[in-house]
PDB file of all heavy atoms in Angstrom:
ATOM      1  N   GLN A   1     -68.919  72.435  72.867  1.00  0.00           N
ATOM      2  CA  GLN A   1     -67.955  71.636  72.092  1.00  0.00           C
ATOM      3  C   GLN A   1     -68.630  70.378  71.651  1.00  0.00           C
ATOM      4  O   GLN A   1     -69.652  69.932  72.113  1.00  0.00           O
ATOM      5  CB  GLN A   1     -66.710  71.350  72.995  1.00  0.00           C
ATOM      6  CG  GLN A   1     -65.971  72.585  73.431  1.00  0.00           C
ATOM      7  CD  GLN A   1     -64.870  72.232  74.419  1.00  0.00           C
ATOM      8  OE1 GLN A   1     -65.190  71.714  75.575  1.00  0.00           O
ATOM      9  NE2 GLN A   1     -63.631  72.533  74.174  1.00  0.00           N
ATOM     10  N   ILE A   2     -67.967  69.771  70.665  1.00  0.00           N
ATOM     11  CA  ILE A   2     -68.467  68.528  70.077  1.00  0.00           C
ATOM     12  C   ILE A   2     -67.363  67.472  70.091  1.00  0.00           C
ATOM     13  O   ILE A   2     -66.177  67.755  69.788  1.00  0.00           O
ATOM     14  CB  ILE A   2     -68.934  68.707  68.576  1.00  0.00           C
ATOM     15  CG1 ILE A   2     -70.117  69.615  68.546  1.00  0.00           C
ATOM     16  CG2 ILE A   2     -69.263  67.378  67.898  1.00  0.00           C
ATOM     17  CD1 ILE A   2     -70.559  70.055  67.069  1.00  0.00           C
ATOM     18  N   ALA A   3     -67.751  66.294  70.614  1.00  0.00           N
ATOM     19  CA  ALA A   3     -66.800  65.142  70.668  1.00  0.00           C
ATOM     20  C   ALA A   3     -67.308  64.039  69.720  1.00  0.00           C
ATOM     21  O   ALA A   3     -68.357  63.557  69.850  1.00  0.00           O
ATOM     22  CB  ALA A   3     -66.794  64.601  71.999  1.00  0.00           C
ATOM     23  N   CYS A   4     -66.512  63.756  68.691  1.00  0.00           N
ATOM     24  CA  CYS A   4     -66.953  62.725  67.673  1.00  0.00           C
ATOM     25  C   CYS A   4     -66.358  61.370  68.050  1.00  0.00           C
ATOM     26  O   CYS A   4     -65.341  61.281  68.793  1.00  0.00           O
ATOM     27  CB  CYS A   4     -66.355  63.102  66.283  1.00  0.00           C
ATOM     28  SG  CYS A   4     -66.931  64.763  65.761  1.00  0.00           S
ATOM     29  N   SER A   5     -66.930  60.333  67.431  1.00  0.00           N
ATOM     30  CA  SER A   5     -66.333  58.948  67.779  1.00  0.00           C
ATOM     31  C   SER A   5     -65.627  58.352  66.613  1.00  0.00           C
ATOM     32  O   SER A   5     -65.304  57.177  66.620  1.00  0.00           O
ATOM     33  CB  SER A   5     -67.505  58.103  68.122  1.00  0.00           C
ATOM     34  OG  SER A   5     -68.277  57.619  66.955  1.00  0.00           O
ATOM     35  N   THR A   6     -65.306  59.196  65.592  1.00  0.00           N
ATOM     36  CA  THR A   6     -64.530  58.707  64.542  1.00  0.00           C
ATOM     37  C   THR A   6     -63.853  59.956  63.794  1.00  0.00           C
ATOM     38  O   THR A   6     -64.253  61.033  63.983  1.00  0.00           O
ATOM     39  CB  THR A   6     -65.363  57.926  63.497  1.00  0.00           C
ATOM     40  OG1 THR A   6     -64.533  57.299  62.495  1.00  0.00           O
ATOM     41  CG2 THR A   6     -66.363  58.879  62.791  1.00  0.00           C
ATOM     42  N   GLY A   7     -62.758  59.649  63.047  1.00  0.00           N
ATOM     43  CA  GLY A   7     -62.123  60.706  62.309  1.00  0.00           C
ATOM     44  C   GLY A   7     -61.216  61.596  63.062  1.00  0.00           C
ATOM     45  O   GLY A   7     -60.784  62.616  62.515  1.00  0.00           O
ATOM     46  N   LEU A   8     -60.874  61.325  64.268  1.00  0.00           N
ATOM     47  CA  LEU A   8     -60.097  62.264  65.140  1.00  0.00           C
ATOM     48  C   LEU A   8     -58.620  62.379  64.506  1.00  0.00           C
ATOM     49  O   LEU A   8     -58.021  63.373  64.880  1.00  0.00           O
ATOM     50  CB  LEU A   8     -59.967  61.840  66.546  1.00  0.00           C
ATOM     51  CG  LEU A   8     -61.314  61.793  67.289  1.00  0.00           C
ATOM     52  CD1 LEU A   8     -61.044  61.695  68.833  1.00  0.00           C
ATOM     53  CD2 LEU A   8     -62.180  63.024  67.018  1.00  0.00           C
ATOM     54  N   VAL A   9     -58.213  61.543  63.665  1.00  0.00           N
ATOM     55  CA  VAL A   9     -56.931  61.623  63.042  1.00  0.00           C
ATOM     56  C   VAL A   9     -56.881  62.898  62.200  1.00  0.00           C
ATOM     57  O   VAL A   9     -55.796  63.455  61.928  1.00  0.00           O
ATOM     58  CB  VAL A   9     -56.600  60.399  62.179  1.00  0.00           C
ATOM     59  CG1 VAL A   9     -57.474  60.333  60.890  1.00  0.00           C
ATOM     60  CG2 VAL A   9     -55.132  60.402  61.721  1.00  0.00           C
ATOM     61  N   ARG A  10     -58.038  63.423  61.762  1.00  0.00           N
ATOM     62  CA  ARG A  10     -58.076  64.705  60.973  1.00  0.00           C
ATOM     63  C   ARG A  10     -57.834  65.938  61.848  1.00  0.00           C
ATOM     64  O   ARG A  10     -57.743  66.990  61.284  1.00  0.00           O
ATOM     65  CB  ARG A  10     -59.378  64.786  60.223  1.00  0.00           C
ATOM     66  CG  ARG A  10     -59.540  63.634  59.182  1.00  0.00           C
ATOM     67  CD  ARG A  10     -60.824  63.850  58.367  1.00  0.00           C
ATOM     68  NE  ARG A  10     -61.100  62.757  57.467  1.00  0.00           N
ATOM     69  CZ  ARG A  10     -61.983  61.798  57.657  1.00  0.00           C
ATOM     70  NH1 ARG A  10     -62.689  61.856  58.794  1.00  0.00           N
ATOM     71  NH2 ARG A  10     -62.158  60.809  56.787  1.00  0.00           N
ATOM     72  N   ARG A  11     -57.887  65.758  63.147  1.00  0.00           N
ATOM     73  CA  ARG A  11     -57.817  66.870  64.088  1.00  0.00           C
ATOM     74  C   ARG A  11     -56.313  67.048  64.354  1.00  0.00           C
ATOM     75  O   ARG A  11     -55.683  66.236  65.047  1.00  0.00           O
ATOM     76  CB  ARG A  11     -58.563  66.617  65.358  1.00  0.00           C
ATOM     77  CG  ARG A  11     -60.111  66.349  65.135  1.00  0.00           C
ATOM     78  CD  ARG A  11     -60.840  67.665  64.903  1.00  0.00           C
ATOM     79  NE  ARG A  11     -60.700  68.564  65.992  1.00  0.00           N
ATOM     80  CZ  ARG A  11     -61.114  69.831  65.960  1.00  0.00           C
ATOM     81  NH1 ARG A  11     -61.564  70.287  64.774  1.00  0.00           N
ATOM     82  NH2 ARG A  11     -60.965  70.664  66.943  1.00  0.00           N
ATOM     83  N   SER A  12     -55.710  68.178  64.005  1.00  0.00           N
ATOM     84  CA  SER A  12     -54.336  68.377  64.212  1.00  0.00           C
ATOM     85  C   SER A  12     -53.997  68.984  65.556  1.00  0.00           C
ATOM     86  O   SER A  12     -52.914  68.791  66.086  1.00  0.00           O
ATOM     87  CB  SER A  12     -53.746  69.342  63.172  1.00  0.00           C
ATOM     88  OG  SER A  12     -54.479  70.567  63.162  1.00  0.00           O
ATOM     89  N   GLY A  13     -55.017  69.450  66.259  1.00  0.00           N
ATOM     90  CA  GLY A  13     -54.823  70.030  67.571  1.00  0.00           C
ATOM     91  C   GLY A  13     -55.657  69.263  68.577  1.00  0.00           C
ATOM     92  O   GLY A  13     -55.606  68.094  68.736  1.00  0.00           O
ATOM     93  N   THR A  14     -56.586  70.021  69.316  1.00  0.00           N
ATOM     94  CA  THR A  14     -57.398  69.396  70.311  1.00  0.00           C
ATOM     95  C   THR A  14     -58.362  68.501  69.616  1.00  0.00           C
ATOM     96  O   THR A  14     -58.802  68.641  68.536  1.00  0.00           O
ATOM     97  CB  THR A  14     -58.162  70.492  71.069  1.00  0.00           C
ATOM     98  OG1 THR A  14     -59.040  69.846  71.941  1.00  0.00           O
ATOM     99  CG2 THR A  14     -58.933  71.416  70.138  1.00  0.00           C
ATOM    100  N   VAL A  15     -58.744  67.362  70.393  1.00  0.00           N
ATOM    101  CA  VAL A  15     -59.739  66.459  69.808  1.00  0.00           C
ATOM    102  C   VAL A  15     -61.075  66.894  69.940  1.00  0.00           C
ATOM    103  O   VAL A  15     -62.006  66.375  69.270  1.00  0.00           O
ATOM    104  CB  VAL A  15     -59.510  65.050  70.524  1.00  0.00           C
ATOM    105  CG1 VAL A  15     -58.163  64.395  70.171  1.00  0.00           C
ATOM    106  CG2 VAL A  15     -59.685  65.146  72.023  1.00  0.00           C
ATOM    107  N   LEU A  16     -61.357  67.935  70.785  1.00  0.00           N
ATOM    108  CA  LEU A  16     -62.751  68.479  70.865  1.00  0.00           C
ATOM    109  C   LEU A  16     -62.894  69.610  69.839  1.00  0.00           C
ATOM    110  O   LEU A  16     -61.940  70.367  69.590  1.00  0.00           O
ATOM    111  CB  LEU A  16     -62.980  69.026  72.232  1.00  0.00           C
ATOM    112  CG  LEU A  16     -63.090  67.972  73.393  1.00  0.00           C
ATOM    113  CD1 LEU A  16     -63.065  68.754  74.745  1.00  0.00           C
ATOM    114  CD2 LEU A  16     -64.325  67.203  73.206  1.00  0.00           C
ATOM    115  N   VAL A  17     -64.087  69.645  69.238  1.00  0.00           N
ATOM    116  CA  VAL A  17     -64.389  70.716  68.316  1.00  0.00           C
ATOM    117  C   VAL A  17     -64.996  71.885  69.084  1.00  0.00           C
ATOM    118  O   VAL A  17     -66.083  71.723  69.726  1.00  0.00           O
ATOM    119  CB  VAL A  17     -65.376  70.224  67.209  1.00  0.00           C
ATOM    120  CG1 VAL A  17     -65.759  71.320  66.277  1.00  0.00           C
ATOM    121  CG2 VAL A  17     -64.761  69.089  66.462  1.00  0.00           C
ATOM    122  N   ASP A  18     -64.338  72.991  69.027  1.00  0.00           N
ATOM    123  CA  ASP A  18     -64.784  74.197  69.727  1.00  0.00           C
ATOM    124  C   ASP A  18     -66.001  74.838  68.958  1.00  0.00           C
ATOM    125  O   ASP A  18     -66.276  74.563  67.770  1.00  0.00           O
ATOM    126  CB  ASP A  18     -63.692  75.179  69.913  1.00  0.00           C
ATOM    127  CG  ASP A  18     -62.669  74.718  70.897  1.00  0.00           C
ATOM    128  OD1 ASP A  18     -63.053  74.049  71.919  1.00  0.00           O
ATOM    129  OD2 ASP A  18     -61.455  75.022  70.683  1.00  0.00           O
ATOM    130  N   HIS A  19     -66.700  75.800  69.680  1.00  0.00           N
ATOM    131  CA  HIS A  19     -67.848  76.514  69.104  1.00  0.00           C
ATOM    132  C   HIS A  19     -68.877  75.612  68.450  1.00  0.00           C
ATOM    133  O   HIS A  19     -69.246  75.658  67.332  1.00  0.00           O
ATOM    134  CB  HIS A  19     -67.331  77.496  68.017  1.00  0.00           C
ATOM    135  CG  HIS A  19     -66.161  78.334  68.496  1.00  0.00           C
ATOM    136  ND1 HIS A  19     -66.296  79.278  69.527  1.00  0.00           N
ATOM    137  CD2 HIS A  19     -64.847  78.447  68.074  1.00  0.00           C
ATOM    138  CE1 HIS A  19     -65.130  79.856  69.722  1.00  0.00           C
ATOM    139  NE2 HIS A  19     -64.279  79.329  68.894  1.00  0.00           N
ATOM    140  N   GLY A  20     -69.300  74.583  69.248  1.00  0.00           N
ATOM    141  CA  GLY A  20     -70.158  73.487  68.771  1.00  0.00           C
ATOM    142  C   GLY A  20     -71.474  74.114  68.263  1.00  0.00           C
ATOM    143  O   GLY A  20     -71.975  73.569  67.267  1.00  0.00           O
ATOM    144  N   ALA A  21     -72.106  75.035  68.964  1.00  0.00           N
ATOM    145  CA  ALA A  21     -73.397  75.575  68.535  1.00  0.00           C
ATOM    146  C   ALA A  21     -73.250  76.193  67.189  1.00  0.00           C
ATOM    147  O   ALA A  21     -74.169  76.030  66.250  1.00  0.00           O
ATOM    148  CB  ALA A  21     -73.868  76.629  69.538  1.00  0.00           C
ATOM    149  N   ARG A  22     -72.125  76.913  66.916  1.00  0.00           N
ATOM    150  CA  ARG A  22     -71.939  77.603  65.588  1.00  0.00           C
ATOM    151  C   ARG A  22     -71.703  76.456  64.511  1.00  0.00           C
ATOM    152  O   ARG A  22     -72.172  76.578  63.419  1.00  0.00           O
ATOM    153  CB  ARG A  22     -70.829  78.509  65.689  1.00  0.00           C
ATOM    154  CG  ARG A  22     -70.640  79.381  64.354  1.00  0.00           C
ATOM    155  CD  ARG A  22     -69.578  80.433  64.525  1.00  0.00           C
ATOM    156  NE  ARG A  22     -68.275  79.913  64.601  1.00  0.00           N
ATOM    157  CZ  ARG A  22     -67.162  80.529  65.061  1.00  0.00           C
ATOM    158  NH1 ARG A  22     -67.420  81.773  65.537  1.00  0.00           N
ATOM    159  NH2 ARG A  22     -65.995  79.992  65.043  1.00  0.00           N
ATOM    160  N   ALA A  23     -71.037  75.365  64.875  1.00  0.00           N
ATOM    161  CA  ALA A  23     -70.807  74.259  63.962  1.00  0.00           C
ATOM    162  C   ALA A  23     -72.062  73.658  63.528  1.00  0.00           C
ATOM    163  O   ALA A  23     -72.250  73.320  62.341  1.00  0.00           O
ATOM    164  CB  ALA A  23     -69.777  73.274  64.584  1.00  0.00           C
ATOM    165  N   LEU A  24     -72.973  73.436  64.425  1.00  0.00           N
ATOM    166  CA  LEU A  24     -74.252  72.936  64.078  1.00  0.00           C
ATOM    167  C   LEU A  24     -75.113  73.877  63.203  1.00  0.00           C
ATOM    168  O   LEU A  24     -75.751  73.521  62.222  1.00  0.00           O
ATOM    169  CB  LEU A  24     -75.085  72.558  65.280  1.00  0.00           C
ATOM    170  CG  LEU A  24     -74.730  71.238  66.093  1.00  0.00           C
ATOM    171  CD1 LEU A  24     -75.616  71.159  67.299  1.00  0.00           C
ATOM    172  CD2 LEU A  24     -74.821  70.076  65.183  1.00  0.00           C
ATOM    173  N   ALA A  25     -75.090  75.152  63.594  1.00  0.00           N
ATOM    174  CA  ALA A  25     -75.865  76.206  62.876  1.00  0.00           C
ATOM    175  C   ALA A  25     -75.340  76.348  61.458  1.00  0.00           C
ATOM    176  O   ALA A  25     -76.067  76.681  60.509  1.00  0.00           O
ATOM    177  CB  ALA A  25     -75.787  77.520  63.695  1.00  0.00           C
ATOM    178  N   ASP A  26     -74.027  76.197  61.291  1.00  0.00           N
ATOM    179  CA  ASP A  26     -73.394  76.517  59.954  1.00  0.00           C
ATOM    180  C   ASP A  26     -73.661  75.333  58.972  1.00  0.00           C
ATOM    181  O   ASP A  26     -73.392  75.533  57.712  1.00  0.00           O
ATOM    182  CB  ASP A  26     -71.887  76.715  60.073  1.00  0.00           C
ATOM    183  CG  ASP A  26     -71.569  77.980  60.686  1.00  0.00           C
ATOM    184  OD1 ASP A  26     -72.477  78.891  60.779  1.00  0.00           O
ATOM    185  OD2 ASP A  26     -70.353  78.214  61.081  1.00  0.00           O
ATOM    186  N   LEU A  27     -74.192  74.216  59.366  1.00  0.00           N
ATOM    187  CA  LEU A  27     -74.444  73.122  58.399  1.00  0.00           C
ATOM    188  C   LEU A  27     -75.604  73.515  57.441  1.00  0.00           C
ATOM    189  O   LEU A  27     -76.612  73.842  57.920  1.00  0.00           O
ATOM    190  CB  LEU A  27     -74.788  71.827  59.183  1.00  0.00           C
ATOM    191  CG  LEU A  27     -73.728  71.228  60.087  1.00  0.00           C
ATOM    192  CD1 LEU A  27     -74.291  70.115  60.926  1.00  0.00           C
ATOM    193  CD2 LEU A  27     -72.545  70.788  59.175  1.00  0.00           C
ATOM    194  N   ASN A  28     -75.385  73.468  56.171  1.00  0.00           N
ATOM    195  CA  ASN A  28     -76.379  73.696  55.158  1.00  0.00           C
ATOM    196  C   ASN A  28     -77.060  72.394  54.867  1.00  0.00           C
ATOM    197  O   ASN A  28     -76.653  71.597  53.942  1.00  0.00           O
ATOM    198  CB  ASN A  28     -75.677  74.271  53.939  1.00  0.00           C
ATOM    199  CG  ASN A  28     -76.775  74.729  52.935  1.00  0.00           C
ATOM    200  OD1 ASN A  28     -77.912  74.295  52.873  1.00  0.00           O
ATOM    201  ND2 ASN A  28     -76.385  75.664  52.066  1.00  0.00           N
ATOM    202  N   LEU A  29     -78.180  72.079  55.548  1.00  0.00           N
ATOM    203  CA  LEU A  29     -78.765  70.849  55.413  1.00  0.00           C
ATOM    204  C   LEU A  29     -79.513  70.645  54.085  1.00  0.00           C
ATOM    205  O   LEU A  29     -79.589  69.563  53.591  1.00  0.00           O
ATOM    206  CB  LEU A  29     -79.875  70.634  56.559  1.00  0.00           C
ATOM    207  CG  LEU A  29     -79.269  70.644  57.964  1.00  0.00           C
ATOM    208  CD1 LEU A  29     -80.368  70.356  59.033  1.00  0.00           C
ATOM    209  CD2 LEU A  29     -78.103  69.720  58.074  1.00  0.00           C
ATOM    210  N   GLU A  30     -79.963  71.749  53.520  1.00  0.00           N
ATOM    211  CA  GLU A  30     -80.558  71.675  52.158  1.00  0.00           C
ATOM    212  C   GLU A  30     -79.567  71.251  51.174  1.00  0.00           C
ATOM    213  O   GLU A  30     -79.863  70.364  50.317  1.00  0.00           O
ATOM    214  CB  GLU A  30     -81.203  73.038  51.781  1.00  0.00           C
ATOM    215  CG  GLU A  30     -82.522  73.334  52.454  1.00  0.00           C
ATOM    216  CD  GLU A  30     -83.202  74.587  51.856  1.00  0.00           C
ATOM    217  OE1 GLU A  30     -82.928  74.857  50.659  1.00  0.00           O
ATOM    218  OE2 GLU A  30     -83.926  75.240  52.626  1.00  0.00           O
ATOM    219  N   ALA A  31     -78.398  71.890  51.218  1.00  0.00           N
ATOM    220  CA  ALA A  31     -77.407  71.424  50.251  1.00  0.00           C
ATOM    221  C   ALA A  31     -76.966  69.977  50.442  1.00  0.00           C
ATOM    222  O   ALA A  31     -76.646  69.200  49.486  1.00  0.00           O
ATOM    223  CB  ALA A  31     -76.138  72.343  50.347  1.00  0.00           C
ATOM    224  N   LEU A  32     -76.884  69.555  51.722  1.00  0.00           N
ATOM    225  CA  LEU A  32     -76.434  68.189  52.018  1.00  0.00           C
ATOM    226  C   LEU A  32     -77.469  67.197  51.508  1.00  0.00           C
ATOM    227  O   LEU A  32     -77.099  66.024  51.227  1.00  0.00           O
ATOM    228  CB  LEU A  32     -76.259  68.063  53.516  1.00  0.00           C
ATOM    229  CG  LEU A  32     -74.936  68.739  54.086  1.00  0.00           C
ATOM    230  CD1 LEU A  32     -75.067  68.794  55.587  1.00  0.00           C
ATOM    231  CD2 LEU A  32     -73.733  67.980  53.640  1.00  0.00           C
TER     232      LEU A  32
END
């Protein structure tokens, strides 16, 4: 899981982001 230090108002449910490894892997760094 991932715990952020800002922007939690955008989380409508749990404040922790599940499937953290997949969230990191899905980031398209070249496009960014």
